[in-house]
Amino acid sequence: YDMDEQAFITEEGYYEAIIAFSSAEEDVCDRFKFYVEGKSPYSFGVNSTIKILYEDARLKTLVKALWEETGWDFGIVESNYQYTSNKKLIEIVPDQNAPQLADFAEKAAAVLKY
């Protein structure tokens, strides 16, 4: 259970459910496999922390491109990384309504986590 999302969260993939009275193999009544499909609330984007975005080279490049495109001072990101890296990107952008944020979010969400 994820307290931030107020929901049960799981990754997309194949799972096996086992129904049993105990953990002993002889107590297993049934088992079945299933596939969970969905989009993780943990994809990268404007709600990712500065620490995450700054320390991943792929994401840092996207953040720099956003700042260059908007003409914002990148020192804002560097300062927040140094002193308050747990802040979300959306909390430090000079203009939360900047149209470039949607483009950034789309590109960041496409970056795979590994």
C-alpha atoms as a PDB file:
ATOM      1  CA  TYR A   1       0.000   0.000   0.000  1.00  0.00           C
ATOM      2  CA  ASP A   2       1.391   3.398  -0.960  1.00  0.00           C
ATOM      3  CA  MET A   3       0.522   6.105   1.565  1.00  0.00           C
ATOM      4  CA  ASP A   4       1.280   8.937  -0.894  1.00  0.00           C
ATOM      5  CA  GLU A   5      -0.976   7.514  -3.602  1.00  0.00           C
ATOM      6  CA  GLN A   6      -3.547   6.129  -1.129  1.00  0.00           C
ATOM      7  CA  ALA A   7      -3.724   2.987  -3.245  1.00  0.00           C
ATOM      8  CA  PHE A   8      -2.159  -0.416  -3.736  1.00  0.00           C
ATOM      9  CA  ILE A   9       0.570  -0.043  -6.360  1.00  0.00           C
ATOM     10  CA  THR A  10       2.223  -2.784  -8.379  1.00  0.00           C
ATOM     11  CA  GLU A  11       4.442  -2.896 -11.411  1.00  0.00           C
ATOM     12  CA  GLU A  12       3.132  -4.061 -14.757  1.00  0.00           C
ATOM     13  CA  GLY A  13       3.932  -7.721 -15.343  1.00  0.00           C
ATOM     14  CA  TYR A  14       3.032 -11.355 -14.715  1.00  0.00           C
ATOM     15  CA  TYR A  15       2.127 -12.523 -11.211  1.00  0.00           C
ATOM     16  CA  GLU A  16       1.113 -15.775  -9.569  1.00  0.00           C
ATOM     17  CA  ALA A  17      -1.559 -15.877  -6.882  1.00  0.00           C
ATOM     18  CA  ILE A  18      -1.538 -18.760  -4.432  1.00  0.00           C
ATOM     19  CA  ILE A  19      -4.541 -19.582  -2.272  1.00  0.00           C
ATOM     20  CA  ALA A  20      -3.611 -21.631   0.788  1.00  0.00           C
ATOM     21  CA  PHE A  21      -4.422 -22.252   4.435  1.00  0.00           C
ATOM     22  CA  SER A  22      -0.748 -21.857   5.370  1.00  0.00           C
ATOM     23  CA  SER A  23       2.632 -21.571   3.690  1.00  0.00           C
ATOM     24  CA  ALA A  24       3.015 -25.359   3.584  1.00  0.00           C
ATOM     25  CA  GLU A  25       2.844 -26.776   0.046  1.00  0.00           C
ATOM     26  CA  GLU A  26       0.210 -29.353   1.063  1.00  0.00           C
ATOM     27  CA  ASP A  27      -2.111 -26.530   2.188  1.00  0.00           C
ATOM     28  CA  VAL A  28      -2.237 -24.896  -1.259  1.00  0.00           C
ATOM     29  CA  CYS A  29      -5.804 -25.004  -2.584  1.00  0.00           C
ATOM     30  CA  ASP A  30      -5.309 -23.235  -5.885  1.00  0.00           C
ATOM     31  CA  ARG A  31      -2.875 -21.103  -7.835  1.00  0.00           C
ATOM     32  CA  PHE A  32      -3.204 -19.045 -10.962  1.00  0.00           C
ATOM     33  CA  LYS A  33      -1.144 -16.669 -13.061  1.00  0.00           C
ATOM     34  CA  PHE A  34      -2.314 -13.304 -14.305  1.00  0.00           C
ATOM     35  CA  TYR A  35      -0.975 -10.193 -15.986  1.00  0.00           C
ATOM     36  CA  VAL A  36      -1.283  -6.699 -14.496  1.00  0.00           C
ATOM     37  CA  GLU A  37      -1.355  -3.922 -17.053  1.00  0.00           C
ATOM     38  CA  GLY A  38      -1.067  -0.262 -16.269  1.00  0.00           C
ATOM     39  CA  LYS A  39       0.931   2.909 -15.991  1.00  0.00           C
ATOM     40  CA  SER A  40       2.957   3.454 -12.875  1.00  0.00           C
ATOM     41  CA  PRO A  41       2.364   6.624 -10.869  1.00  0.00           C
ATOM     42  CA  TYR A  42       6.122   6.557 -10.451  1.00  0.00           C
ATOM     43  CA  SER A  43       7.069   7.474 -13.984  1.00  0.00           C
ATOM     44  CA  PHE A  44       9.381  10.467 -14.137  1.00  0.00           C
ATOM     45  CA  GLY A  45       7.905  13.922 -14.620  1.00  0.00           C
ATOM     46  CA  VAL A  46       7.291  17.296 -13.001  1.00  0.00           C
ATOM     47  CA  ASN A  47       6.495  15.584  -9.678  1.00  0.00           C
ATOM     48  CA  SER A  48       9.879  13.841  -9.553  1.00  0.00           C
ATOM     49  CA  THR A  49      12.342  15.193  -7.016  1.00  0.00           C
ATOM     50  CA  ILE A  50      15.252  17.398  -7.964  1.00  0.00           C
ATOM     51  CA  LYS A  51      17.623  14.720  -6.627  1.00  0.00           C
ATOM     52  CA  ILE A  52      16.245  12.060  -8.991  1.00  0.00           C
ATOM     53  CA  LEU A  53      16.192  14.382 -12.005  1.00  0.00           C
ATOM     54  CA  TYR A  54      19.641  15.857 -11.355  1.00  0.00           C
ATOM     55  CA  GLU A  55      21.471  12.577 -10.711  1.00  0.00           C
ATOM     56  CA  ASP A  56      20.229  10.725 -13.808  1.00  0.00           C
ATOM     57  CA  ALA A  57      22.140  12.027 -16.851  1.00  0.00           C
ATOM     58  CA  ARG A  58      19.185  11.430 -19.204  1.00  0.00           C
ATOM     59  CA  LEU A  59      16.784  13.360 -16.991  1.00  0.00           C
ATOM     60  CA  LYS A  60      19.257  16.126 -16.181  1.00  0.00           C
ATOM     61  CA  THR A  61      19.612  16.727 -19.931  1.00  0.00           C
ATOM     62  CA  LEU A  62      15.825  17.117 -20.190  1.00  0.00           C
ATOM     63  CA  VAL A  63      15.731  19.521 -17.236  1.00  0.00           C
ATOM     64  CA  LYS A  64      18.544  21.607 -18.751  1.00  0.00           C
ATOM     65  CA  ALA A  65      16.705  21.685 -22.087  1.00  0.00           C
ATOM     66  CA  LEU A  66      13.529  22.851 -20.323  1.00  0.00           C
ATOM     67  CA  TRP A  67      15.398  25.646 -18.551  1.00  0.00           C
ATOM     68  CA  GLU A  68      17.150  26.724 -21.771  1.00  0.00           C
ATOM     69  CA  GLU A  69      13.897  26.672 -23.729  1.00  0.00           C
ATOM     70  CA  THR A  70      12.132  28.856 -21.180  1.00  0.00           C
ATOM     71  CA  GLY A  71      15.080  31.138 -20.451  1.00  0.00           C
ATOM     72  CA  TRP A  72      14.988  30.336 -16.740  1.00  0.00           C
ATOM     73  CA  ASP A  73      18.169  30.496 -14.653  1.00  0.00           C
ATOM     74  CA  PHE A  74      19.507  26.925 -14.231  1.00  0.00           C
ATOM     75  CA  GLY A  75      21.081  28.055 -10.965  1.00  0.00           C
ATOM     76  CA  ILE A  76      17.621  27.523  -9.444  1.00  0.00           C
ATOM     77  CA  VAL A  77      17.937  23.783 -10.110  1.00  0.00           C
ATOM     78  CA  GLU A  78      21.542  23.591  -8.925  1.00  0.00           C
ATOM     79  CA  SER A  79      20.786  25.485  -5.721  1.00  0.00           C
ATOM     80  CA  ASN A  80      17.784  23.305  -4.943  1.00  0.00           C
ATOM     81  CA  TYR A  81      19.795  20.160  -5.668  1.00  0.00           C
ATOM     82  CA  GLN A  82      22.421  21.291  -3.186  1.00  0.00           C
ATOM     83  CA  TYR A  83      20.097  22.461  -0.393  1.00  0.00           C
ATOM     84  CA  THR A  84      16.597  21.026  -0.890  1.00  0.00           C
ATOM     85  CA  SER A  85      16.935  18.099  -3.297  1.00  0.00           C
ATOM     86  CA  ASN A  86      13.759  16.465  -1.964  1.00  0.00           C
ATOM     87  CA  LYS A  87      11.607  19.179  -3.568  1.00  0.00           C
ATOM     88  CA  LYS A  88       9.618  18.265  -6.647  1.00  0.00           C
ATOM     89  CA  LEU A  89      10.493  19.961  -9.924  1.00  0.00           C
ATOM     90  CA  ILE A  90       7.044  21.557 -10.113  1.00  0.00           C
ATOM     91  CA  GLU A  91       7.771  23.285  -6.790  1.00  0.00           C
ATOM     92  CA  ILE A  92      10.775  25.180  -8.144  1.00  0.00           C
ATOM     93  CA  VAL A  93       9.788  26.120 -11.701  1.00  0.00           C
ATOM     94  CA  PRO A  94       9.355  29.887 -12.069  1.00  0.00           C
ATOM     95  CA  ASP A  95       6.108  29.462 -14.049  1.00  0.00           C
ATOM     96  CA  GLN A  96       3.950  26.422 -13.286  1.00  0.00           C
ATOM     97  CA  ASN A  97       1.756  27.224 -16.283  1.00  0.00           C
ATOM     98  CA  ALA A  98       4.586  27.260 -18.829  1.00  0.00           C
ATOM     99  CA  PRO A  99       3.475  25.265 -21.892  1.00  0.00           C
ATOM    100  CA  GLN A 100       6.929  23.632 -22.081  1.00  0.00           C
ATOM    101  CA  LEU A 101       6.179  21.662 -18.896  1.00  0.00           C
ATOM    102  CA  ALA A 102       3.788  19.337 -20.729  1.00  0.00           C
ATOM    103  CA  ASP A 103       6.466  18.534 -23.305  1.00  0.00           C
ATOM    104  CA  PHE A 104       9.008  17.939 -20.536  1.00  0.00           C
ATOM    105  CA  ALA A 105       6.595  15.627 -18.690  1.00  0.00           C
ATOM    106  CA  GLU A 106       5.997  13.566 -21.827  1.00  0.00           C
ATOM    107  CA  LYS A 107       9.719  13.186 -22.534  1.00  0.00           C
ATOM    108  CA  ALA A 108      10.559  12.403 -18.900  1.00  0.00           C
ATOM    109  CA  ALA A 109       7.808   9.769 -18.660  1.00  0.00           C
ATOM    110  CA  ALA A 110       9.362   8.002 -21.655  1.00  0.00           C
ATOM    111  CA  VAL A 111      12.655   7.535 -19.781  1.00  0.00           C
ATOM    112  CA  LEU A 112      12.781   3.987 -18.463  1.00  0.00           C
ATOM    113  CA  LYS A 113      13.714   3.311 -14.857  1.00  0.00           C
ATOM    114  CA  TYR A 114      16.428   0.750 -14.235  1.00  0.00           C
END
